[in-house]
Amino acid sequence: MKIGLSKKVEEFEMSLNRAAEEAALKAAPVFIDAITNRSLQVGFEILNGADTAATNFLRKNTYSALYEKFLPIVKTAVEKVKVTSYWSPLTSAYNKFPGVTKQNPNLDEYVSNKAINGLMLLIADEETKIRKDPAARTSDLLKKVFGLK
């Protein structure tokens, strides 16, 4: 069934993708700060840890700071396409159904969390490749660090 919202949905998706890309640019300084303020012991634990040890470290130590950086960018993007008036009533009604996975009716929070989780998934995928495939170690530093293992 078509209800005439496809253009709005496309605008919304495009706006959120752009917001996520813009927000991701704010992640690097947060990651650098988290990494540079750690001991060598933590570095070795990450190096010798599971396939996503570095990602898990970043998630644990940067999530709040990333959220603070992402939220204003997402909020601006969401305001541009004016879909909040649809989201909140829909999710609130959906959440009343028994047995469903509850969704956050606050669209800004929902999208910010999804963007951070998406970024972490990308990092985890890349980390796993680097750990498992020597060809994925594209810099001299990566070759040196992971060649030690």
N, C-alpha and C. Protein backbone atom coordinates (compact mmCIF):
# COMPACT_ATOMS: atom_id res chain seq x y z
N MET A 1 0.85 -1.18 0.00
CA MET A 1 0.00 0.00 0.00
C MET A 1 0.89 1.24 0.00
N LYS A 2 0.62 2.16 -0.89
CA LYS A 2 1.36 3.41 -0.95
C LYS A 2 0.56 4.49 -0.23
N ILE A 3 1.27 5.23 0.60
CA ILE A 3 0.57 6.30 1.32
C ILE A 3 1.18 7.66 1.03
N GLY A 4 1.97 7.74 -0.03
CA GLY A 4 2.50 9.02 -0.48
C GLY A 4 3.65 9.56 0.33
N LEU A 5 4.34 8.71 1.07
CA LEU A 5 5.45 9.19 1.89
C LEU A 5 6.82 8.78 1.35
N SER A 6 6.87 8.15 0.18
CA SER A 6 8.15 7.64 -0.30
C SER A 6 9.17 8.77 -0.48
N LYS A 7 8.76 9.91 -0.99
CA LYS A 7 9.69 11.03 -1.15
C LYS A 7 10.20 11.50 0.21
N LYS A 8 9.31 11.57 1.19
CA LYS A 8 9.71 11.98 2.54
C LYS A 8 10.67 10.97 3.15
N VAL A 9 10.41 9.69 2.93
CA VAL A 9 11.28 8.65 3.47
C VAL A 9 12.66 8.75 2.83
N GLU A 10 12.71 8.96 1.52
CA GLU A 10 13.99 9.12 0.83
C GLU A 10 14.75 10.34 1.35
N GLU A 11 14.06 11.45 1.54
CA GLU A 11 14.68 12.65 2.09
C GLU A 11 15.23 12.38 3.48
N PHE A 12 14.43 11.68 4.27
CA PHE A 12 14.82 11.34 5.63
C PHE A 12 16.07 10.46 5.64
N GLU A 13 16.08 9.41 4.83
CA GLU A 13 17.23 8.52 4.76
C GLU A 13 18.49 9.27 4.30
N MET A 14 18.34 10.10 3.28
CA MET A 14 19.48 10.86 2.77
C MET A 14 20.00 11.81 3.85
N SER A 15 19.11 12.47 4.54
CA SER A 15 19.49 13.41 5.58
C SER A 15 20.22 12.68 6.71
N LEU A 16 19.72 11.52 7.10
CA LEU A 16 20.36 10.77 8.18
C LEU A 16 21.72 10.23 7.75
N ASN A 17 21.83 9.79 6.51
CA ASN A 17 23.12 9.32 6.02
C ASN A 17 24.15 10.44 6.04
N ARG A 18 23.75 11.62 5.59
CA ARG A 18 24.66 12.77 5.60
C ARG A 18 25.03 13.15 7.03
N ALA A 19 24.05 13.11 7.92
CA ALA A 19 24.31 13.43 9.32
C ALA A 19 25.29 12.43 9.93
N ALA A 20 25.10 11.16 9.63
CA ALA A 20 26.00 10.12 10.14
C ALA A 20 27.42 10.33 9.62
N GLU A 21 27.55 10.67 8.34
CA GLU A 21 28.86 10.93 7.76
C GLU A 21 29.53 12.12 8.44
N GLU A 22 28.76 13.19 8.64
CA GLU A 22 29.29 14.38 9.29
C GLU A 22 29.67 14.08 10.74
N ALA A 23 28.82 13.34 11.42
CA ALA A 23 29.08 12.99 12.82
C ALA A 23 30.32 12.10 12.93
N ALA A 24 30.50 11.19 12.00
CA ALA A 24 31.65 10.28 12.04
C ALA A 24 32.97 11.05 11.99
N LEU A 25 32.97 12.19 11.31
CA LEU A 25 34.18 13.01 11.26
C LEU A 25 34.57 13.53 12.65
N LYS A 26 33.60 13.64 13.52
CA LYS A 26 33.84 14.11 14.89
C LYS A 26 34.39 13.00 15.77
N ALA A 27 34.38 11.76 15.28
CA ALA A 27 34.78 10.62 16.09
C ALA A 27 36.30 10.53 16.28
N ALA A 28 37.07 10.90 15.27
CA ALA A 28 38.53 10.72 15.33
C ALA A 28 39.16 11.35 16.58
N PRO A 29 38.88 12.61 16.90
CA PRO A 29 39.50 13.19 18.10
C PRO A 29 39.09 12.46 19.39
N VAL A 30 37.87 11.96 19.42
CA VAL A 30 37.40 11.22 20.60
C VAL A 30 38.18 9.92 20.72
N PHE A 31 38.37 9.23 19.60
CA PHE A 31 39.12 7.98 19.60
C PHE A 31 40.58 8.23 20.00
N ILE A 32 41.17 9.26 19.43
CA ILE A 32 42.57 9.58 19.73
C ILE A 32 42.75 9.87 21.21
N ASP A 33 41.84 10.63 21.77
CA ASP A 33 41.91 10.95 23.19
C ASP A 33 41.82 9.68 24.04
N ALA A 34 40.93 8.78 23.69
CA ALA A 34 40.76 7.55 24.45
C ALA A 34 42.01 6.67 24.38
N ILE A 35 42.65 6.67 23.22
CA ILE A 35 43.82 5.81 23.02
C ILE A 35 45.06 6.39 23.67
N THR A 36 45.28 7.68 23.51
CA THR A 36 46.53 8.28 24.00
C THR A 36 46.58 8.38 25.52
N ASN A 37 45.48 8.26 26.19
CA ASN A 37 45.47 8.36 27.64
C ASN A 37 45.44 7.00 28.32
N ARG A 38 45.93 5.96 27.65
CA ARG A 38 45.93 4.60 28.22
C ARG A 38 47.35 4.10 28.41
N SER A 39 47.47 3.14 29.29
CA SER A 39 48.78 2.57 29.59
C SER A 39 49.21 1.58 28.51
N LEU A 40 50.49 1.26 28.52
CA LEU A 40 51.01 0.25 27.61
C LEU A 40 50.37 -1.10 27.89
N GLN A 41 50.09 -1.36 29.16
CA GLN A 41 49.44 -2.62 29.55
C GLN A 41 48.11 -2.78 28.82
N VAL A 42 47.32 -1.72 28.79
CA VAL A 42 46.03 -1.75 28.08
C VAL A 42 46.27 -2.01 26.59
N GLY A 43 47.28 -1.38 26.04
CA GLY A 43 47.62 -1.59 24.63
C GLY A 43 47.93 -3.05 24.34
N PHE A 44 48.72 -3.68 25.20
CA PHE A 44 49.04 -5.09 25.00
C PHE A 44 47.82 -5.98 25.19
N GLU A 45 46.94 -5.62 26.11
CA GLU A 45 45.71 -6.40 26.31
C GLU A 45 44.84 -6.34 25.04
N ILE A 46 44.79 -5.17 24.44
CA ILE A 46 44.01 -5.02 23.20
C ILE A 46 44.69 -5.81 22.08
N LEU A 47 45.98 -5.65 21.95
CA LEU A 47 46.72 -6.35 20.89
C LEU A 47 46.55 -7.86 20.99
N ASN A 48 46.60 -8.39 22.19
CA ASN A 48 46.51 -9.83 22.40
C ASN A 48 45.08 -10.30 22.67
N GLY A 49 44.13 -9.40 22.54
CA GLY A 49 42.74 -9.73 22.84
C GLY A 49 42.01 -10.37 21.67
N ALA A 50 40.72 -10.43 21.82
CA ALA A 50 39.84 -11.02 20.81
C ALA A 50 39.87 -10.21 19.52
N ASP A 51 39.23 -10.75 18.49
CA ASP A 51 39.23 -10.11 17.17
C ASP A 51 38.70 -8.69 17.17
N THR A 52 37.87 -8.35 18.14
CA THR A 52 37.32 -6.99 18.21
C THR A 52 37.67 -6.31 19.55
N ALA A 53 38.81 -6.65 20.10
CA ALA A 53 39.22 -6.07 21.39
C ALA A 53 39.34 -4.56 21.32
N ALA A 54 39.92 -4.04 20.25
CA ALA A 54 40.07 -2.58 20.12
C ALA A 54 38.71 -1.91 19.97
N THR A 55 37.84 -2.53 19.21
CA THR A 55 36.49 -1.97 19.03
C THR A 55 35.75 -1.97 20.36
N ASN A 56 35.86 -3.06 21.10
CA ASN A 56 35.20 -3.13 22.41
C ASN A 56 35.74 -2.06 23.34
N PHE A 57 37.06 -1.84 23.30
CA PHE A 57 37.68 -0.79 24.09
C PHE A 57 37.11 0.59 23.71
N LEU A 58 37.05 0.84 22.41
CA LEU A 58 36.53 2.13 21.94
C LEU A 58 35.07 2.32 22.33
N ARG A 59 34.28 1.27 22.15
CA ARG A 59 32.86 1.36 22.51
C ARG A 59 32.72 1.72 23.99
N LYS A 60 33.46 1.03 24.83
CA LYS A 60 33.36 1.24 26.28
C LYS A 60 33.84 2.64 26.69
N ASN A 61 34.90 3.11 26.05
CA ASN A 61 35.55 4.34 26.50
C ASN A 61 35.19 5.60 25.72
N THR A 62 34.40 5.47 24.65
CA THR A 62 34.09 6.66 23.86
C THR A 62 32.60 6.87 23.60
N TYR A 63 31.77 5.90 23.96
CA TYR A 63 30.36 5.97 23.57
C TYR A 63 29.70 7.28 24.02
N SER A 64 29.88 7.63 25.29
CA SER A 64 29.24 8.86 25.80
C SER A 64 29.74 10.11 25.09
N ALA A 65 31.04 10.19 24.87
CA ALA A 65 31.59 11.37 24.18
C ALA A 65 31.12 11.42 22.73
N LEU A 66 31.05 10.26 22.07
CA LEU A 66 30.54 10.23 20.70
C LEU A 66 29.08 10.66 20.66
N TYR A 67 28.31 10.19 21.61
CA TYR A 67 26.90 10.54 21.66
C TYR A 67 26.73 12.06 21.78
N GLU A 68 27.54 12.68 22.63
CA GLU A 68 27.46 14.14 22.79
C GLU A 68 27.80 14.86 21.49
N LYS A 69 28.73 14.31 20.72
CA LYS A 69 29.11 14.94 19.43
C LYS A 69 28.07 14.66 18.35
N PHE A 70 27.51 13.45 18.35
CA PHE A 70 26.58 13.04 17.29
C PHE A 70 25.20 13.68 17.45
N LEU A 71 24.71 13.78 18.67
CA LEU A 71 23.33 14.21 18.91
C LEU A 71 22.97 15.54 18.26
N PRO A 72 23.77 16.61 18.40
CA PRO A 72 23.38 17.89 17.77
C PRO A 72 23.34 17.80 16.23
N ILE A 73 24.24 17.01 15.66
CA ILE A 73 24.27 16.86 14.20
C ILE A 73 23.03 16.12 13.73
N VAL A 74 22.70 15.06 14.42
CA VAL A 74 21.50 14.27 14.08
C VAL A 74 20.25 15.12 14.27
N LYS A 75 20.19 15.84 15.36
CA LYS A 75 19.02 16.68 15.66
C LYS A 75 18.77 17.68 14.52
N THR A 76 19.82 18.31 14.04
CA THR A 76 19.70 19.26 12.93
C THR A 76 19.18 18.56 11.68
N ALA A 77 19.72 17.38 11.39
CA ALA A 77 19.29 16.64 10.20
C ALA A 77 17.83 16.23 10.30
N VAL A 78 17.42 15.78 11.45
CA VAL A 78 16.04 15.34 11.65
C VAL A 78 15.08 16.53 11.53
N GLU A 79 15.48 17.67 12.07
CA GLU A 79 14.63 18.87 11.98
C GLU A 79 14.43 19.30 10.53
N LYS A 80 15.45 19.13 9.69
CA LYS A 80 15.36 19.55 8.30
C LYS A 80 14.25 18.82 7.54
N VAL A 81 14.09 17.53 7.84
CA VAL A 81 13.11 16.75 7.08
C VAL A 81 11.77 16.60 7.79
N LYS A 82 11.68 17.13 8.99
CA LYS A 82 10.40 17.21 9.71
C LYS A 82 9.64 15.88 9.79
N VAL A 83 10.33 14.83 10.23
CA VAL A 83 9.66 13.53 10.35
C VAL A 83 9.38 13.14 11.80
N THR A 84 9.84 13.93 12.73
CA THR A 84 9.61 13.59 14.14
C THR A 84 8.13 13.46 14.44
N SER A 85 7.31 14.24 13.77
CA SER A 85 5.87 14.17 14.03
C SER A 85 5.29 12.82 13.64
N TYR A 86 5.97 12.08 12.75
CA TYR A 86 5.52 10.73 12.39
C TYR A 86 6.12 9.69 13.33
N TRP A 87 7.38 9.85 13.66
CA TRP A 87 8.12 8.84 14.40
C TRP A 87 7.56 8.59 15.79
N SER A 88 7.41 9.62 16.56
CA SER A 88 7.01 9.45 17.95
C SER A 88 5.66 8.75 18.10
N PRO A 89 4.62 9.18 17.39
CA PRO A 89 3.34 8.47 17.52
C PRO A 89 3.41 7.01 17.03
N LEU A 90 4.15 6.78 15.95
CA LEU A 90 4.27 5.42 15.43
C LEU A 90 4.99 4.50 16.41
N THR A 91 6.12 4.95 16.94
CA THR A 91 6.86 4.10 17.87
C THR A 91 6.11 3.91 19.17
N SER A 92 5.44 4.94 19.63
CA SER A 92 4.66 4.80 20.86
C SER A 92 3.56 3.77 20.70
N ALA A 93 2.88 3.81 19.55
CA ALA A 93 1.83 2.82 19.28
C ALA A 93 2.43 1.42 19.13
N TYR A 94 3.53 1.32 18.41
CA TYR A 94 4.21 0.04 18.21
C TYR A 94 4.64 -0.57 19.55
N ASN A 95 5.18 0.26 20.42
CA ASN A 95 5.69 -0.22 21.70
C ASN A 95 4.59 -0.79 22.60
N LYS A 96 3.34 -0.50 22.30
CA LYS A 96 2.22 -1.02 23.10
C LYS A 96 1.91 -2.48 22.77
N PHE A 97 2.39 -2.97 21.61
CA PHE A 97 2.14 -4.36 21.25
C PHE A 97 2.95 -5.27 22.16
N PRO A 98 2.32 -6.32 22.67
CA PRO A 98 3.08 -7.25 23.53
C PRO A 98 4.09 -8.04 22.71
N GLY A 99 5.25 -8.28 23.31
CA GLY A 99 6.26 -9.13 22.70
C GLY A 99 7.16 -8.47 21.67
N VAL A 100 6.94 -7.18 21.38
CA VAL A 100 7.80 -6.51 20.39
C VAL A 100 9.04 -5.95 21.10
N THR A 101 10.11 -5.79 20.33
CA THR A 101 11.29 -5.11 20.86
C THR A 101 10.98 -3.63 20.88
N LYS A 102 10.96 -3.07 22.06
CA LYS A 102 10.59 -1.66 22.22
C LYS A 102 11.59 -0.75 21.50
N GLN A 103 11.06 0.30 20.86
CA GLN A 103 11.87 1.27 20.15
C GLN A 103 11.82 2.61 20.88
N ASN A 104 12.90 3.36 20.79
CA ASN A 104 12.98 4.65 21.44
C ASN A 104 12.12 5.66 20.66
N PRO A 105 11.11 6.24 21.31
CA PRO A 105 10.27 7.21 20.62
C PRO A 105 10.97 8.55 20.37
N ASN A 106 12.12 8.78 21.02
CA ASN A 106 12.89 9.99 20.78
C ASN A 106 13.78 9.75 19.57
N LEU A 107 13.42 10.30 18.44
CA LEU A 107 14.11 10.03 17.17
C LEU A 107 15.56 10.48 17.20
N ASP A 108 15.86 11.60 17.80
CA ASP A 108 17.24 12.08 17.86
C ASP A 108 18.13 11.08 18.60
N GLU A 109 17.64 10.59 19.74
CA GLU A 109 18.40 9.61 20.51
C GLU A 109 18.53 8.30 19.73
N TYR A 110 17.44 7.86 19.15
CA TYR A 110 17.42 6.61 18.40
C TYR A 110 18.45 6.64 17.26
N VAL A 111 18.43 7.69 16.49
CA VAL A 111 19.34 7.80 15.34
C VAL A 111 20.79 7.97 15.79
N SER A 112 21.02 8.75 16.83
CA SER A 112 22.39 8.92 17.33
C SER A 112 22.96 7.58 17.78
N ASN A 113 22.19 6.82 18.51
CA ASN A 113 22.64 5.49 18.96
C ASN A 113 22.88 4.55 17.78
N LYS A 114 21.98 4.57 16.81
CA LYS A 114 22.16 3.72 15.63
C LYS A 114 23.41 4.12 14.85
N ALA A 115 23.68 5.41 14.75
CA ALA A 115 24.86 5.88 14.02
C ALA A 115 26.14 5.43 14.72
N ILE A 116 26.18 5.55 16.04
CA ILE A 116 27.37 5.11 16.78
C ILE A 116 27.54 3.60 16.66
N ASN A 117 26.45 2.86 16.79
CA ASN A 117 26.53 1.41 16.67
C ASN A 117 26.97 1.00 15.27
N GLY A 118 26.49 1.70 14.26
CA GLY A 118 26.91 1.43 12.89
C GLY A 118 28.39 1.70 12.70
N LEU A 119 28.88 2.78 13.26
CA LEU A 119 30.30 3.11 13.19
C LEU A 119 31.13 2.02 13.87
N MET A 120 30.67 1.55 15.03
CA MET A 120 31.38 0.50 15.74
C MET A 120 31.39 -0.80 14.94
N LEU A 121 30.33 -1.10 14.24
CA LEU A 121 30.30 -2.30 13.39
C LEU A 121 31.34 -2.20 12.27
N LEU A 122 31.44 -1.03 11.66
CA LEU A 122 32.44 -0.83 10.61
C LEU A 122 33.86 -0.99 11.16
N ILE A 123 34.08 -0.43 12.34
CA ILE A 123 35.40 -0.54 12.96
C ILE A 123 35.70 -2.00 13.30
N ALA A 124 34.72 -2.70 13.84
CA ALA A 124 34.90 -4.12 14.20
C ALA A 124 35.23 -4.96 12.97
N ASP A 125 34.54 -4.71 11.87
CA ASP A 125 34.82 -5.44 10.64
C ASP A 125 36.26 -5.21 10.17
N GLU A 126 36.68 -3.96 10.19
CA GLU A 126 38.03 -3.62 9.75
C GLU A 126 39.07 -4.20 10.70
N GLU A 127 38.80 -4.13 11.99
CA GLU A 127 39.73 -4.69 12.97
C GLU A 127 39.91 -6.19 12.77
N THR A 128 38.81 -6.88 12.57
CA THR A 128 38.87 -8.33 12.35
C THR A 128 39.70 -8.66 11.11
N LYS A 129 39.49 -7.90 10.04
CA LYS A 129 40.28 -8.11 8.81
C LYS A 129 41.78 -7.92 9.09
N ILE A 130 42.11 -6.85 9.78
CA ILE A 130 43.51 -6.54 10.06
C ILE A 130 44.16 -7.64 10.90
N ARG A 131 43.42 -8.14 11.86
CA ARG A 131 43.97 -9.19 12.73
C ARG A 131 44.16 -10.51 11.99
N LYS A 132 43.26 -10.82 11.05
CA LYS A 132 43.27 -12.13 10.41
C LYS A 132 44.02 -12.17 9.08
N ASP A 133 44.07 -11.04 8.38
CA ASP A 133 44.61 -11.05 7.02
C ASP A 133 45.80 -10.09 6.92
N PRO A 134 47.01 -10.61 6.81
CA PRO A 134 48.17 -9.73 6.69
C PRO A 134 48.06 -8.72 5.54
N ALA A 135 47.34 -9.05 4.48
CA ALA A 135 47.18 -8.12 3.36
C ALA A 135 46.35 -6.90 3.75
N ALA A 136 45.56 -7.01 4.81
CA ALA A 136 44.74 -5.88 5.27
C ALA A 136 45.55 -4.89 6.11
N ARG A 137 46.75 -5.26 6.45
CA ARG A 137 47.64 -4.38 7.23
C ARG A 137 48.36 -3.45 6.26
N THR A 138 47.70 -2.37 5.95
CA THR A 138 48.13 -1.52 4.84
C THR A 138 49.18 -0.47 5.20
N SER A 139 49.46 -0.30 6.48
CA SER A 139 50.48 0.68 6.85
C SER A 139 51.66 -0.04 7.50
N ASP A 140 52.79 0.63 7.51
CA ASP A 140 53.98 0.05 8.15
C ASP A 140 53.73 -0.20 9.64
N LEU A 141 52.99 0.69 10.26
CA LEU A 141 52.69 0.54 11.70
C LEU A 141 51.85 -0.73 11.94
N LEU A 142 50.81 -0.92 11.14
CA LEU A 142 49.99 -2.12 11.29
C LEU A 142 50.80 -3.40 11.04
N LYS A 143 51.67 -3.35 10.04
CA LYS A 143 52.50 -4.51 9.74
C LYS A 143 53.43 -4.81 10.91
N LYS A 144 54.00 -3.75 11.48
CA LYS A 144 54.93 -3.93 12.59
C LYS A 144 54.22 -4.45 13.84
N VAL A 145 53.11 -3.81 14.20
CA VAL A 145 52.38 -4.18 15.42
C VAL A 145 51.84 -5.60 15.33
N PHE A 146 51.16 -5.91 14.24
CA PHE A 146 50.54 -7.23 14.15
C PHE A 146 51.51 -8.31 13.69
N GLY A 147 52.67 -7.91 13.24
CA GLY A 147 53.71 -8.88 12.92
C GLY A 147 54.37 -9.43 14.18
N LEU A 148 54.18 -8.73 15.30
CA LEU A 148 54.75 -9.16 16.57
C LEU A 148 54.01 -10.34 17.17
N LYS A 149 52.79 -10.52 16.78
CA LYS A 149 51.95 -11.55 17.41
C LYS A 149 52.37 -12.94 17.00
